[in-house]
């Protein structure tokens, strides 16, 4: 992500990947998690869409490898989003 403060998005509990180019997915997810940690959020939601699930597969691979992710799972009936539980 851009380090210029004017271009930083302040994520809350949720991040919607639809607004980002696929090549930025890893950086966006890392920034989203970093912000969640700084806000002391333990459970967050990542929207990646249904479709062919290309972004979902990408996101899940990134989450599997992220050191701050405890678990993640589909958001109940909405498989177009993932619920992430962060380590304390």
N, C-alpha and C. Protein backbone atom coordinates (compact mmCIF):
# COMPACT_ATOMS: atom_id res chain seq x y z
N UNK A 1 0.84 -1.17 0.00
CA UNK A 1 0.00 0.00 0.00
C UNK A 1 0.88 1.23 0.00
N UNK A 2 0.34 2.30 -0.47
CA UNK A 2 1.03 3.57 -0.53
C UNK A 2 1.26 4.09 0.89
N UNK A 3 2.47 4.56 1.16
CA UNK A 3 2.77 5.06 2.50
C UNK A 3 2.38 6.52 2.66
N UNK A 4 1.95 7.16 1.62
CA UNK A 4 1.49 8.54 1.69
C UNK A 4 0.16 8.55 2.43
N UNK A 5 0.09 9.28 3.56
CA UNK A 5 -1.11 9.26 4.41
C UNK A 5 -2.39 9.61 3.67
N UNK A 6 -2.31 10.38 2.61
CA UNK A 6 -3.50 10.75 1.86
C UNK A 6 -4.13 9.55 1.17
N UNK A 7 -3.34 8.52 0.91
CA UNK A 7 -3.82 7.38 0.14
C UNK A 7 -4.08 6.13 0.98
N UNK A 8 -3.98 6.26 2.30
CA UNK A 8 -4.23 5.11 3.15
C UNK A 8 -5.72 5.02 3.48
N UNK A 9 -6.27 3.85 3.30
CA UNK A 9 -7.68 3.62 3.59
C UNK A 9 -7.78 3.15 5.04
N UNK A 10 -8.69 3.75 5.77
CA UNK A 10 -8.91 3.34 7.15
C UNK A 10 -9.98 2.25 7.16
N UNK A 11 -9.52 1.01 7.27
CA UNK A 11 -10.44 -0.11 7.32
C UNK A 11 -11.04 -0.19 8.72
N UNK A 12 -12.23 -0.69 8.79
CA UNK A 12 -12.84 -0.94 10.09
C UNK A 12 -12.83 -2.43 10.33
N UNK A 13 -13.99 -2.97 10.62
CA UNK A 13 -14.17 -4.40 10.86
C UNK A 13 -14.17 -5.19 9.55
N UNK A 14 -14.38 -4.49 8.41
CA UNK A 14 -14.55 -5.18 7.14
C UNK A 14 -13.72 -4.54 6.03
N UNK A 15 -13.25 -5.39 5.12
CA UNK A 15 -12.54 -4.94 3.93
C UNK A 15 -13.18 -5.63 2.73
N UNK A 16 -13.53 -4.84 1.72
CA UNK A 16 -14.12 -5.37 0.50
C UNK A 16 -13.08 -5.33 -0.62
N UNK A 17 -12.62 -6.48 -1.04
CA UNK A 17 -11.57 -6.57 -2.06
C UNK A 17 -12.05 -6.18 -3.46
N UNK A 18 -13.36 -6.03 -3.65
CA UNK A 18 -13.87 -5.65 -4.97
C UNK A 18 -13.30 -4.32 -5.45
N UNK A 19 -12.92 -3.48 -4.52
CA UNK A 19 -12.45 -2.14 -4.87
C UNK A 19 -10.96 -2.10 -5.23
N UNK A 20 -10.29 -3.25 -5.17
CA UNK A 20 -8.85 -3.29 -5.39
C UNK A 20 -8.48 -4.21 -6.54
N UNK A 21 -7.42 -3.86 -7.21
CA UNK A 21 -6.88 -4.68 -8.30
C UNK A 21 -6.32 -5.98 -7.70
N UNK A 22 -6.50 -7.11 -8.39
CA UNK A 22 -6.00 -8.39 -7.87
C UNK A 22 -4.52 -8.37 -7.49
N UNK A 23 -3.71 -7.61 -8.21
CA UNK A 23 -2.27 -7.58 -7.88
C UNK A 23 -2.00 -6.92 -6.53
N UNK A 24 -2.97 -6.17 -6.02
CA UNK A 24 -2.82 -5.50 -4.73
C UNK A 24 -3.39 -6.30 -3.56
N UNK A 25 -3.94 -7.46 -3.85
CA UNK A 25 -4.64 -8.24 -2.83
C UNK A 25 -3.80 -8.50 -1.59
N UNK A 26 -2.59 -8.97 -1.76
CA UNK A 26 -1.76 -9.30 -0.59
C UNK A 26 -1.49 -8.05 0.25
N UNK A 27 -1.11 -6.95 -0.39
CA UNK A 27 -0.83 -5.73 0.35
C UNK A 27 -2.06 -5.22 1.08
N UNK A 28 -3.21 -5.29 0.43
CA UNK A 28 -4.46 -4.83 1.04
C UNK A 28 -4.79 -5.69 2.27
N UNK A 29 -4.70 -7.00 2.14
CA UNK A 29 -5.01 -7.89 3.26
C UNK A 29 -4.04 -7.64 4.41
N UNK A 30 -2.77 -7.49 4.12
CA UNK A 30 -1.79 -7.23 5.18
C UNK A 30 -2.08 -5.91 5.89
N UNK A 31 -2.43 -4.89 5.13
CA UNK A 31 -2.75 -3.59 5.74
C UNK A 31 -4.03 -3.69 6.57
N UNK A 32 -5.02 -4.39 6.05
CA UNK A 32 -6.28 -4.60 6.77
C UNK A 32 -6.03 -5.28 8.12
N UNK A 33 -5.24 -6.32 8.12
CA UNK A 33 -4.93 -7.05 9.35
C UNK A 33 -4.12 -6.17 10.30
N UNK A 34 -3.17 -5.44 9.77
CA UNK A 34 -2.35 -4.55 10.61
C UNK A 34 -3.23 -3.51 11.31
N UNK A 35 -4.15 -2.93 10.57
CA UNK A 35 -5.04 -1.94 11.16
C UNK A 35 -5.96 -2.58 12.20
N UNK A 36 -6.45 -3.77 11.91
CA UNK A 36 -7.32 -4.47 12.87
C UNK A 36 -6.57 -4.74 14.17
N UNK A 37 -5.32 -5.16 14.06
CA UNK A 37 -4.51 -5.40 15.25
C UNK A 37 -4.32 -4.12 16.05
N UNK A 38 -4.05 -3.02 15.36
CA UNK A 38 -3.83 -1.76 16.06
C UNK A 38 -5.10 -1.26 16.75
N UNK A 39 -6.26 -1.67 16.23
CA UNK A 39 -7.55 -1.31 16.84
C UNK A 39 -8.02 -2.36 17.84
N UNK A 40 -7.18 -3.38 18.04
CA UNK A 40 -7.47 -4.48 18.96
C UNK A 40 -8.72 -5.27 18.59
N UNK A 41 -8.97 -5.38 17.29
CA UNK A 41 -10.08 -6.20 16.80
C UNK A 41 -9.59 -7.64 16.72
N UNK A 42 -10.40 -8.55 17.15
CA UNK A 42 -9.98 -9.95 17.07
C UNK A 42 -10.69 -10.70 15.95
N UNK A 43 -11.88 -10.23 15.57
CA UNK A 43 -12.63 -10.89 14.50
C UNK A 43 -12.95 -9.84 13.44
N UNK A 44 -12.57 -10.14 12.19
CA UNK A 44 -12.77 -9.21 11.08
C UNK A 44 -13.37 -9.96 9.89
N UNK A 45 -13.86 -9.20 8.93
CA UNK A 45 -14.57 -9.81 7.77
C UNK A 45 -13.93 -9.31 6.48
N UNK A 46 -13.61 -10.25 5.60
CA UNK A 46 -13.02 -9.95 4.31
C UNK A 46 -13.99 -10.36 3.21
N UNK A 47 -14.42 -9.41 2.40
CA UNK A 47 -15.33 -9.68 1.29
C UNK A 47 -14.49 -9.86 0.03
N UNK A 48 -14.66 -11.00 -0.63
CA UNK A 48 -13.88 -11.28 -1.83
C UNK A 48 -14.76 -11.62 -3.01
N UNK A 49 -16.03 -11.88 -2.79
CA UNK A 49 -16.95 -12.19 -3.87
C UNK A 49 -17.06 -13.68 -4.13
N UNK A 50 -18.10 -14.02 -4.84
CA UNK A 50 -18.37 -15.42 -5.16
C UNK A 50 -17.80 -15.74 -6.53
N UNK A 51 -18.53 -15.49 -7.57
CA UNK A 51 -18.04 -15.70 -8.93
C UNK A 51 -17.21 -16.96 -9.08
N UNK A 52 -16.07 -16.84 -9.73
CA UNK A 52 -15.15 -17.96 -9.93
C UNK A 52 -14.23 -18.14 -8.73
N UNK A 53 -14.38 -17.28 -7.74
CA UNK A 53 -13.63 -17.36 -6.48
C UNK A 53 -12.11 -17.23 -6.64
N UNK A 54 -11.66 -16.52 -7.67
CA UNK A 54 -10.23 -16.32 -7.87
C UNK A 54 -9.67 -15.52 -6.70
N UNK A 55 -10.35 -14.42 -6.33
CA UNK A 55 -9.88 -13.61 -5.21
C UNK A 55 -10.00 -14.38 -3.90
N UNK A 56 -11.03 -15.21 -3.78
CA UNK A 56 -11.19 -16.00 -2.56
C UNK A 56 -10.01 -16.96 -2.40
N UNK A 57 -9.66 -17.66 -3.45
CA UNK A 57 -8.53 -18.59 -3.39
C UNK A 57 -7.24 -17.84 -3.05
N UNK A 58 -7.07 -16.70 -3.68
CA UNK A 58 -5.91 -15.86 -3.43
C UNK A 58 -5.88 -15.42 -1.96
N UNK A 59 -7.01 -14.94 -1.48
CA UNK A 59 -7.12 -14.44 -0.11
C UNK A 59 -6.85 -15.57 0.89
N UNK A 60 -7.42 -16.73 0.66
CA UNK A 60 -7.25 -17.84 1.60
C UNK A 60 -5.79 -18.29 1.65
N UNK A 61 -5.11 -18.26 0.53
CA UNK A 61 -3.68 -18.62 0.52
C UNK A 61 -2.89 -17.61 1.36
N UNK A 62 -3.20 -16.34 1.20
CA UNK A 62 -2.52 -15.29 1.97
C UNK A 62 -2.82 -15.46 3.45
N UNK A 63 -4.08 -15.73 3.80
CA UNK A 63 -4.46 -15.89 5.20
C UNK A 63 -3.81 -17.12 5.83
N UNK A 64 -3.66 -18.20 5.07
CA UNK A 64 -3.01 -19.42 5.57
C UNK A 64 -1.58 -19.13 6.01
N UNK A 65 -0.92 -18.21 5.31
CA UNK A 65 0.49 -17.93 5.56
C UNK A 65 0.72 -16.74 6.49
N UNK A 66 -0.34 -15.99 6.81
CA UNK A 66 -0.17 -14.78 7.62
C UNK A 66 0.07 -15.16 9.09
N UNK A 67 1.13 -14.64 9.69
CA UNK A 67 1.47 -15.03 11.07
C UNK A 67 0.48 -14.56 12.14
N UNK A 68 -0.36 -13.58 11.84
CA UNK A 68 -1.30 -13.06 12.83
C UNK A 68 -2.70 -13.67 12.74
N UNK A 69 -2.91 -14.56 11.77
CA UNK A 69 -4.23 -15.18 11.58
C UNK A 69 -4.31 -16.48 12.37
N UNK A 70 -5.28 -16.54 13.27
CA UNK A 70 -5.51 -17.76 14.06
C UNK A 70 -6.33 -18.75 13.25
N UNK A 71 -7.51 -18.30 12.77
CA UNK A 71 -8.37 -19.14 11.94
C UNK A 71 -9.14 -18.25 10.96
N UNK A 72 -9.72 -18.89 9.96
CA UNK A 72 -10.62 -18.19 9.04
C UNK A 72 -11.59 -19.20 8.46
N UNK A 73 -12.78 -18.70 8.14
CA UNK A 73 -13.83 -19.57 7.62
C UNK A 73 -14.82 -18.76 6.80
N UNK A 74 -15.58 -19.42 5.95
CA UNK A 74 -16.64 -18.73 5.21
C UNK A 74 -17.59 -18.06 6.19
N UNK A 75 -18.14 -16.93 5.79
CA UNK A 75 -19.09 -16.21 6.61
C UNK A 75 -20.45 -16.90 6.51
N UNK A 76 -20.61 -17.95 7.26
CA UNK A 76 -21.85 -18.72 7.36
C UNK A 76 -22.41 -19.02 5.97
N UNK A 77 -23.59 -18.54 5.66
CA UNK A 77 -24.23 -18.82 4.37
C UNK A 77 -23.62 -17.99 3.23
N UNK A 78 -22.88 -16.96 3.54
CA UNK A 78 -22.33 -16.07 2.51
C UNK A 78 -20.90 -16.48 2.17
N UNK A 79 -20.73 -17.39 1.23
CA UNK A 79 -19.39 -17.83 0.88
C UNK A 79 -18.62 -16.81 0.04
N UNK A 80 -19.18 -15.61 -0.12
CA UNK A 80 -18.49 -14.51 -0.79
C UNK A 80 -17.70 -13.65 0.18
N UNK A 81 -17.67 -14.09 1.45
CA UNK A 81 -16.92 -13.37 2.47
C UNK A 81 -16.30 -14.37 3.44
N UNK A 82 -15.23 -13.96 4.08
CA UNK A 82 -14.52 -14.80 5.03
C UNK A 82 -14.40 -14.08 6.36
N UNK A 83 -14.67 -14.81 7.44
CA UNK A 83 -14.48 -14.30 8.79
C UNK A 83 -13.08 -14.73 9.24
N UNK A 84 -12.32 -13.78 9.73
CA UNK A 84 -10.94 -14.03 10.16
C UNK A 84 -10.85 -13.78 11.66
N UNK A 85 -10.26 -14.72 12.37
CA UNK A 85 -9.99 -14.53 13.80
C UNK A 85 -8.48 -14.35 13.92
N UNK A 86 -8.10 -13.24 14.55
CA UNK A 86 -6.69 -12.92 14.71
C UNK A 86 -6.16 -13.46 16.03
N UNK A 87 -4.86 -13.73 16.05
CA UNK A 87 -4.22 -14.15 17.29
C UNK A 87 -4.18 -12.95 18.24
N UNK A 88 -4.19 -13.25 19.53
CA UNK A 88 -4.13 -12.18 20.54
C UNK A 88 -2.72 -11.67 20.68
